[in-house]
Amino acid sequence: MTENLTKETFLEKVFNFEKNKDWKFEGNKPALIDFYADWCGPCKALAPVLEVLSEEYKDKIDIYKIDTEAEQELAAAFGIRSIPSMLFCPAEGEPQMANGALPKAELERIIADVLKVTK
């Protein structure tokens, strides 16, 4: 099950950018964060794919969603200009951004390469 984040829960579960200037991941397992909006067609197409991935990788990664309309400060903090955009946060190391409604196979490849997680 994907979980919607607010700025408050993002600071707690992902990255407290108010406290830390440099990236410091707060999660206890790798995360995929989907920046979306309700009016965005490609975002709607991506949503069921992310739900399937959240089941398949249930105990291995967290999948979060951020509504860019409701959480404009978070979108601005990451320079989100086009949606959907996904932020891949490995347990160790720097996060990486991917843009567009990527197919499931491509998302699985990035999860393996960036998050170092396989099913």
C-alpha atoms as a PDB file:
ATOM      1  CA  MET A   1       0.000   0.000   0.000  1.00  0.00           C
ATOM      2  CA  THR A   2       1.426   3.362  -0.970  1.00  0.00           C
ATOM      3  CA  GLU A   3       1.314   6.122   1.638  1.00  0.00           C
ATOM      4  CA  ASN A   4       0.683   9.819   1.075  1.00  0.00           C
ATOM      5  CA  LEU A   5       3.192  12.126   2.710  1.00  0.00           C
ATOM      6  CA  THR A   6       2.762  15.653   3.977  1.00  0.00           C
ATOM      7  CA  LYS A   7       5.696  17.947   4.618  1.00  0.00           C
ATOM      8  CA  GLU A   8       5.585  16.924   8.281  1.00  0.00           C
ATOM      9  CA  THR A   9       5.728  13.162   7.599  1.00  0.00           C
ATOM     10  CA  PHE A  10       8.311  13.695   4.822  1.00  0.00           C
ATOM     11  CA  LEU A  11      10.678  15.451   7.255  1.00  0.00           C
ATOM     12  CA  GLU A  12      10.261  12.543   9.667  1.00  0.00           C
ATOM     13  CA  LYS A  13      10.389   9.562   7.277  1.00  0.00           C
ATOM     14  CA  VAL A  14      12.549  10.701   4.371  1.00  0.00           C
ATOM     15  CA  PHE A  15      14.710  13.820   4.732  1.00  0.00           C
ATOM     16  CA  ASN A  16      14.600  16.660   7.230  1.00  0.00           C
ATOM     17  CA  PHE A  17      15.759  19.442   4.918  1.00  0.00           C
ATOM     18  CA  GLU A  18      14.978  22.058   7.567  1.00  0.00           C
ATOM     19  CA  LYS A  19      17.579  20.535   9.899  1.00  0.00           C
ATOM     20  CA  ASN A  20      20.121  19.113   7.424  1.00  0.00           C
ATOM     21  CA  LYS A  21      21.600  20.932   4.471  1.00  0.00           C
ATOM     22  CA  ASP A  22      23.166  17.770   3.042  1.00  0.00           C
ATOM     23  CA  TRP A  23      21.095  14.702   2.178  1.00  0.00           C
ATOM     24  CA  LYS A  24      20.496  12.463   5.192  1.00  0.00           C
ATOM     25  CA  PHE A  25      17.948   9.696   4.655  1.00  0.00           C
ATOM     26  CA  GLU A  26      15.675   9.187   7.685  1.00  0.00           C
ATOM     27  CA  GLY A  27      14.001   5.959   6.537  1.00  0.00           C
ATOM     28  CA  ASN A  28      14.805   2.463   7.753  1.00  0.00           C
ATOM     29  CA  LYS A  29      14.478   0.925   4.277  1.00  0.00           C
ATOM     30  CA  PRO A  30      14.906   2.324   0.745  1.00  0.00           C
ATOM     31  CA  ALA A  31      12.053   4.456  -0.590  1.00  0.00           C
ATOM     32  CA  LEU A  32      10.460   5.441  -3.880  1.00  0.00           C
ATOM     33  CA  ILE A  33       8.611   8.757  -3.747  1.00  0.00           C
ATOM     34  CA  ASP A  34       6.086   9.640  -6.438  1.00  0.00           C
ATOM     35  CA  PHE A  35       5.425  13.370  -6.965  1.00  0.00           C
ATOM     36  CA  TYR A  36       2.003  13.582  -8.623  1.00  0.00           C
ATOM     37  CA  ALA A  37      -1.167  15.662  -9.051  1.00  0.00           C
ATOM     38  CA  ASP A  38      -4.784  14.537  -9.309  1.00  0.00           C
ATOM     39  CA  TRP A  39      -5.278  16.252 -12.699  1.00  0.00           C
ATOM     40  CA  CYS A  40      -2.253  14.550 -14.288  1.00  0.00           C
ATOM     41  CA  GLY A  41      -3.159  11.733 -16.734  1.00  0.00           C
ATOM     42  CA  PRO A  42       0.250   9.984 -16.728  1.00  0.00           C
ATOM     43  CA  CYS A  43       0.213  10.121 -12.892  1.00  0.00           C
ATOM     44  CA  LYS A  44      -3.135   8.285 -12.879  1.00  0.00           C
ATOM     45  CA  ALA A  45      -1.663   5.649 -15.223  1.00  0.00           C
ATOM     46  CA  LEU A  46       1.333   5.192 -12.919  1.00  0.00           C
ATOM     47  CA  ALA A  47      -0.680   4.837  -9.683  1.00  0.00           C
ATOM     48  CA  PRO A  48      -1.807   1.186 -10.164  1.00  0.00           C
ATOM     49  CA  VAL A  49       1.751   0.190 -11.179  1.00  0.00           C
ATOM     50  CA  LEU A  50       3.076   1.669  -7.926  1.00  0.00           C
ATOM     51  CA  GLU A  51       0.379  -0.191  -5.958  1.00  0.00           C
ATOM     52  CA  VAL A  52       1.501  -3.491  -7.546  1.00  0.00           C
ATOM     53  CA  LEU A  53       5.162  -2.688  -6.783  1.00  0.00           C
ATOM     54  CA  SER A  54       4.276  -1.837  -3.182  1.00  0.00           C
ATOM     55  CA  GLU A  55       2.789  -5.339  -2.834  1.00  0.00           C
ATOM     56  CA  GLU A  56       5.676  -7.081  -4.616  1.00  0.00           C
ATOM     57  CA  TYR A  57       8.354  -5.275  -2.584  1.00  0.00           C
ATOM     58  CA  LYS A  58       6.211  -5.092   0.559  1.00  0.00           C
ATOM     59  CA  ASP A  59       8.852  -5.486   3.286  1.00  0.00           C
ATOM     60  CA  LYS A  60      11.803  -4.271   1.220  1.00  0.00           C
ATOM     61  CA  ILE A  61      10.986  -0.712   0.180  1.00  0.00           C
ATOM     62  CA  ASP A  62       8.548   2.042   1.142  1.00  0.00           C
ATOM     63  CA  ILE A  63       6.531   3.693  -1.630  1.00  0.00           C
ATOM     64  CA  TYR A  64       5.286   7.182  -0.852  1.00  0.00           C
ATOM     65  CA  LYS A  65       3.202   9.667  -2.817  1.00  0.00           C
ATOM     66  CA  ILE A  66       3.356  13.448  -2.602  1.00  0.00           C
ATOM     67  CA  ASP A  67       0.538  15.575  -4.027  1.00  0.00           C
ATOM     68  CA  THR A  68       2.433  18.497  -5.597  1.00  0.00           C
ATOM     69  CA  GLU A  69      -0.670  20.704  -5.429  1.00  0.00           C
ATOM     70  CA  ALA A  70      -1.116  20.211  -1.688  1.00  0.00           C
ATOM     71  CA  GLU A  71       2.604  20.096  -0.873  1.00  0.00           C
ATOM     72  CA  GLN A  72       4.048  22.857  -3.037  1.00  0.00           C
ATOM     73  CA  GLU A  73       6.934  23.475  -0.644  1.00  0.00           C
ATOM     74  CA  LEU A  74       8.131  19.858  -1.001  1.00  0.00           C
ATOM     75  CA  ALA A  75       7.799  20.003  -4.789  1.00  0.00           C
ATOM     76  CA  ALA A  76       9.814  23.248  -4.817  1.00  0.00           C
ATOM     77  CA  ALA A  77      12.473  21.802  -2.480  1.00  0.00           C
ATOM     78  CA  PHE A  78      13.175  19.097  -5.078  1.00  0.00           C
ATOM     79  CA  GLY A  79      12.778  21.348  -8.116  1.00  0.00           C
ATOM     80  CA  ILE A  80       9.864  19.325  -9.474  1.00  0.00           C
ATOM     81  CA  ARG A  81       8.907  20.885 -12.806  1.00  0.00           C
ATOM     82  CA  SER A  82       7.191  17.990 -14.529  1.00  0.00           C
ATOM     83  CA  ILE A  83       5.078  15.200 -13.119  1.00  0.00           C
ATOM     84  CA  PRO A  84       5.081  12.373 -12.522  1.00  0.00           C
ATOM     85  CA  SER A  85       8.575  12.585 -11.056  1.00  0.00           C
ATOM     86  CA  MET A  86       9.945   9.878  -8.806  1.00  0.00           C
ATOM     87  CA  LEU A  87      12.674  10.193  -6.231  1.00  0.00           C
ATOM     88  CA  PHE A  88      14.538   6.947  -5.512  1.00  0.00           C
ATOM     89  CA  CYS A  89      16.125   7.025  -2.051  1.00  0.00           C
ATOM     90  CA  PRO A  90      18.607   4.235  -1.303  1.00  0.00           C
ATOM     91  CA  ALA A  91      19.334   3.374   2.344  1.00  0.00           C
ATOM     92  CA  GLU A  92      22.906   4.603   1.730  1.00  0.00           C
ATOM     93  CA  GLY A  93      24.047   7.209  -0.766  1.00  0.00           C
ATOM     94  CA  GLU A  94      22.450   9.958  -2.798  1.00  0.00           C
ATOM     95  CA  PRO A  95      18.876   9.857  -4.098  1.00  0.00           C
ATOM     96  CA  GLN A  96      18.167   9.866  -7.829  1.00  0.00           C
ATOM     97  CA  MET A  97      15.274  11.404  -9.711  1.00  0.00           C
ATOM     98  CA  ALA A  98      13.422   9.842 -12.655  1.00  0.00           C
ATOM     99  CA  ASN A  99      10.785  11.637 -14.718  1.00  0.00           C
ATOM    100  CA  GLY A 100       7.706  10.399 -16.511  1.00  0.00           C
ATOM    101  CA  ALA A 101       5.307   7.477 -16.157  1.00  0.00           C
ATOM    102  CA  LEU A 102       7.913   4.748 -16.561  1.00  0.00           C
ATOM    103  CA  PRO A 103       6.870   1.174 -17.361  1.00  0.00           C
ATOM    104  CA  LYS A 104       6.972  -1.385 -14.554  1.00  0.00           C
ATOM    105  CA  ALA A 105      10.061  -3.151 -15.953  1.00  0.00           C
ATOM    106  CA  GLU A 106      11.990   0.124 -15.996  1.00  0.00           C
ATOM    107  CA  LEU A 107      10.935   0.905 -12.415  1.00  0.00           C
ATOM    108  CA  GLU A 108      12.100  -2.562 -11.347  1.00  0.00           C
ATOM    109  CA  ARG A 109      15.453  -1.933 -13.040  1.00  0.00           C
ATOM    110  CA  ILE A 110      15.891   1.376 -11.178  1.00  0.00           C
ATOM    111  CA  ILE A 111      14.834  -0.255  -7.888  1.00  0.00           C
ATOM    112  CA  ALA A 112      17.555  -2.880  -8.467  1.00  0.00           C
ATOM    113  CA  ASP A 113      20.235  -0.400  -9.655  1.00  0.00           C
ATOM    114  CA  VAL A 114      19.634   2.564  -7.362  1.00  0.00           C
ATOM    115  CA  LEU A 115      17.900   1.080  -4.322  1.00  0.00           C
ATOM    116  CA  LYS A 116      19.884  -2.181  -4.519  1.00  0.00           C
ATOM    117  CA  VAL A 117      16.694  -4.181  -3.898  1.00  0.00           C
ATOM    118  CA  THR A 118      15.403  -7.216  -5.785  1.00  0.00           C
ATOM    119  CA  LYS A 119      12.118  -9.060  -5.308  1.00  0.00           C
END
